[in-house]
Amino acid sequence: MSISLSHDEPATTPTLDTNNSVTSQNEYARLPSTPATTSFETDYDIAKGTSSFGKRHNKTHTLCRRCVNWGEKAKRRKTTGTGRMRYLKTVNRKFSNGFQTGAPKGSKGPTVKSS
């Protein structure tokens, strides 16, 4: 590799940039120091995204009386109690008896026949 320098340019050590080509450090000094701005960067906030998530004041009205329960019939069709309730029907029975476990009161256990 031979690097030719002109007389007005000071001698610098060559370095490798990201493209693996030899450049002098003076070329980096000629680059602008300010970062490049893109066309979509502005001085003001446009969107109501995550940056202003805590300041939500744009939904001031709620649903009207007519629309508040718009899926009522669908809820009746699909709610608990319309199917088998394979597990919940036993839970309801256990709840009414206070979730008792073990043998009932007064039972003496299995009887053993003596031979």
Protein backbone atom coordinates (compact mmCIF):
# COMPACT_ATOMS: atom_id res chain seq x y z
CA MET A 1 0.00 0.00 0.00
CA SER A 2 1.41 3.31 -0.98
CA ILE A 3 -0.12 6.58 0.16
CA SER A 4 0.82 9.73 -1.69
CA LEU A 5 0.64 12.96 0.29
CA SER A 6 0.62 16.43 -1.18
CA HIS A 7 2.86 19.15 0.24
CA ASP A 8 0.06 21.19 1.84
CA GLU A 9 -1.45 18.21 3.67
CA PRO A 10 0.15 17.25 7.01
CA ALA A 11 1.33 13.67 7.38
CA THR A 12 -1.13 11.54 9.28
CA THR A 13 -1.35 7.86 10.07
CA PRO A 14 -3.68 5.94 7.77
CA THR A 15 -6.67 4.21 9.40
CA LEU A 16 -9.19 1.66 8.21
CA ASP A 17 -12.81 2.76 8.09
CA THR A 18 -15.89 0.50 8.07
CA ASN A 19 -15.53 -0.24 4.34
CA ASN A 20 -11.96 -1.56 4.87
CA SER A 21 -10.48 1.19 2.72
CA VAL A 22 -7.52 3.26 3.83
CA THR A 23 -8.42 6.85 4.71
CA SER A 24 -6.53 9.53 6.52
CA GLN A 25 -7.72 11.14 9.72
CA ASN A 26 -7.94 14.50 7.96
CA GLU A 27 -10.91 13.25 5.94
CA TYR A 28 -12.79 12.64 9.17
CA ALA A 29 -12.02 16.17 10.28
CA ARG A 30 -13.74 17.54 7.16
CA LEU A 31 -17.02 15.76 7.94
CA PRO A 32 -19.79 17.89 9.48
CA SER A 33 -19.99 17.63 13.25
CA THR A 34 -23.79 17.92 13.43
CA PRO A 35 -25.79 14.72 12.98
CA ALA A 36 -27.88 14.37 9.87
CA THR A 37 -31.57 15.02 10.41
CA THR A 38 -34.21 13.09 8.57
CA SER A 39 -37.30 14.55 6.97
CA PHE A 40 -39.73 13.13 9.55
CA GLU A 41 -38.03 14.68 12.59
CA THR A 42 -39.82 17.82 13.76
CA ASP A 43 -39.71 20.12 16.75
CA TYR A 44 -43.18 19.11 18.01
CA ASP A 45 -44.89 15.89 19.01
CA ILE A 46 -47.36 14.71 16.36
CA ALA A 47 -48.70 11.40 17.64
CA LYS A 48 -50.59 10.41 20.77
CA GLY A 49 -48.52 7.29 21.22
CA THR A 50 -46.52 5.98 24.13
CA SER A 51 -44.85 9.30 24.89
CA SER A 52 -48.14 10.84 26.02
CA PHE A 53 -49.77 7.69 27.35
CA GLY A 54 -50.32 9.12 30.82
CA LYS A 55 -51.98 12.30 29.57
CA ARG A 56 -55.04 10.76 27.96
CA HIS A 57 -57.77 13.38 27.75
CA ASN A 58 -59.14 12.65 24.30
CA LYS A 59 -61.88 10.12 25.19
CA THR A 60 -64.31 12.34 27.09
CA HIS A 61 -67.56 10.46 26.39
CA THR A 62 -68.60 6.94 27.27
CA LEU A 63 -71.09 4.60 25.64
CA CYS A 64 -74.74 5.63 25.51
CA ARG A 65 -77.50 3.68 27.27
CA ARG A 66 -78.48 1.99 24.04
CA CYS A 67 -74.95 0.81 23.18
CA VAL A 68 -73.61 -0.04 26.63
CA ASN A 69 -74.85 -3.65 26.60
CA TRP A 70 -74.79 -4.28 22.88
CA GLY A 71 -73.68 -7.93 23.22
CA GLU A 72 -76.15 -8.94 25.92
CA LYS A 73 -77.72 -11.85 24.01
CA ALA A 74 -74.32 -13.24 23.07
CA LYS A 75 -73.29 -13.16 26.73
CA ARG A 76 -76.42 -15.12 27.65
CA ARG A 77 -75.61 -17.75 25.04
CA LYS A 78 -72.02 -18.27 26.09
CA THR A 79 -72.00 -17.66 29.84
CA THR A 80 -71.39 -20.14 32.64
CA GLY A 81 -74.28 -22.54 33.09
CA THR A 82 -75.14 -23.04 29.45
CA GLY A 83 -72.88 -26.07 29.08
CA ARG A 84 -72.04 -29.15 31.13
CA MET A 85 -70.18 -27.36 33.94
CA ARG A 86 -68.34 -30.61 34.60
CA TYR A 87 -66.33 -29.16 37.51
CA LEU A 88 -68.38 -26.17 38.68
CA LYS A 89 -71.49 -28.17 39.53
CA THR A 90 -69.50 -30.12 42.13
CA VAL A 91 -67.98 -26.90 43.49
CA ASN A 92 -71.46 -25.47 44.02
CA ARG A 93 -72.49 -28.56 46.00
CA LYS A 94 -69.30 -28.50 48.08
CA PHE A 95 -69.73 -24.79 48.78
CA SER A 96 -73.22 -25.27 50.17
CA ASN A 97 -71.83 -27.87 52.63
CA GLY A 98 -68.84 -25.75 53.66
CA PHE A 99 -66.15 -27.74 51.80
CA GLN A 100 -66.24 -30.60 54.30
CA THR A 101 -63.55 -33.24 53.91
CA GLY A 102 -62.95 -36.60 55.47
CA ALA A 103 -65.42 -39.10 56.90
CA PRO A 104 -68.78 -37.92 58.24
CA LYS A 105 -69.25 -37.41 61.98
CA GLY A 106 -70.02 -40.53 63.99
CA SER A 107 -68.65 -42.98 61.46
CA LYS A 108 -66.37 -45.64 62.88
CA GLY A 109 -64.75 -46.61 59.62
CA PRO A 110 -64.93 -49.92 57.81
CA THR A 111 -65.92 -52.92 59.91
CA VAL A 112 -63.59 -55.90 59.98
CA LYS A 113 -65.16 -59.35 60.12
CA SER A 114 -63.48 -61.72 62.52
CA SER A 115 -63.29 -65.29 61.36
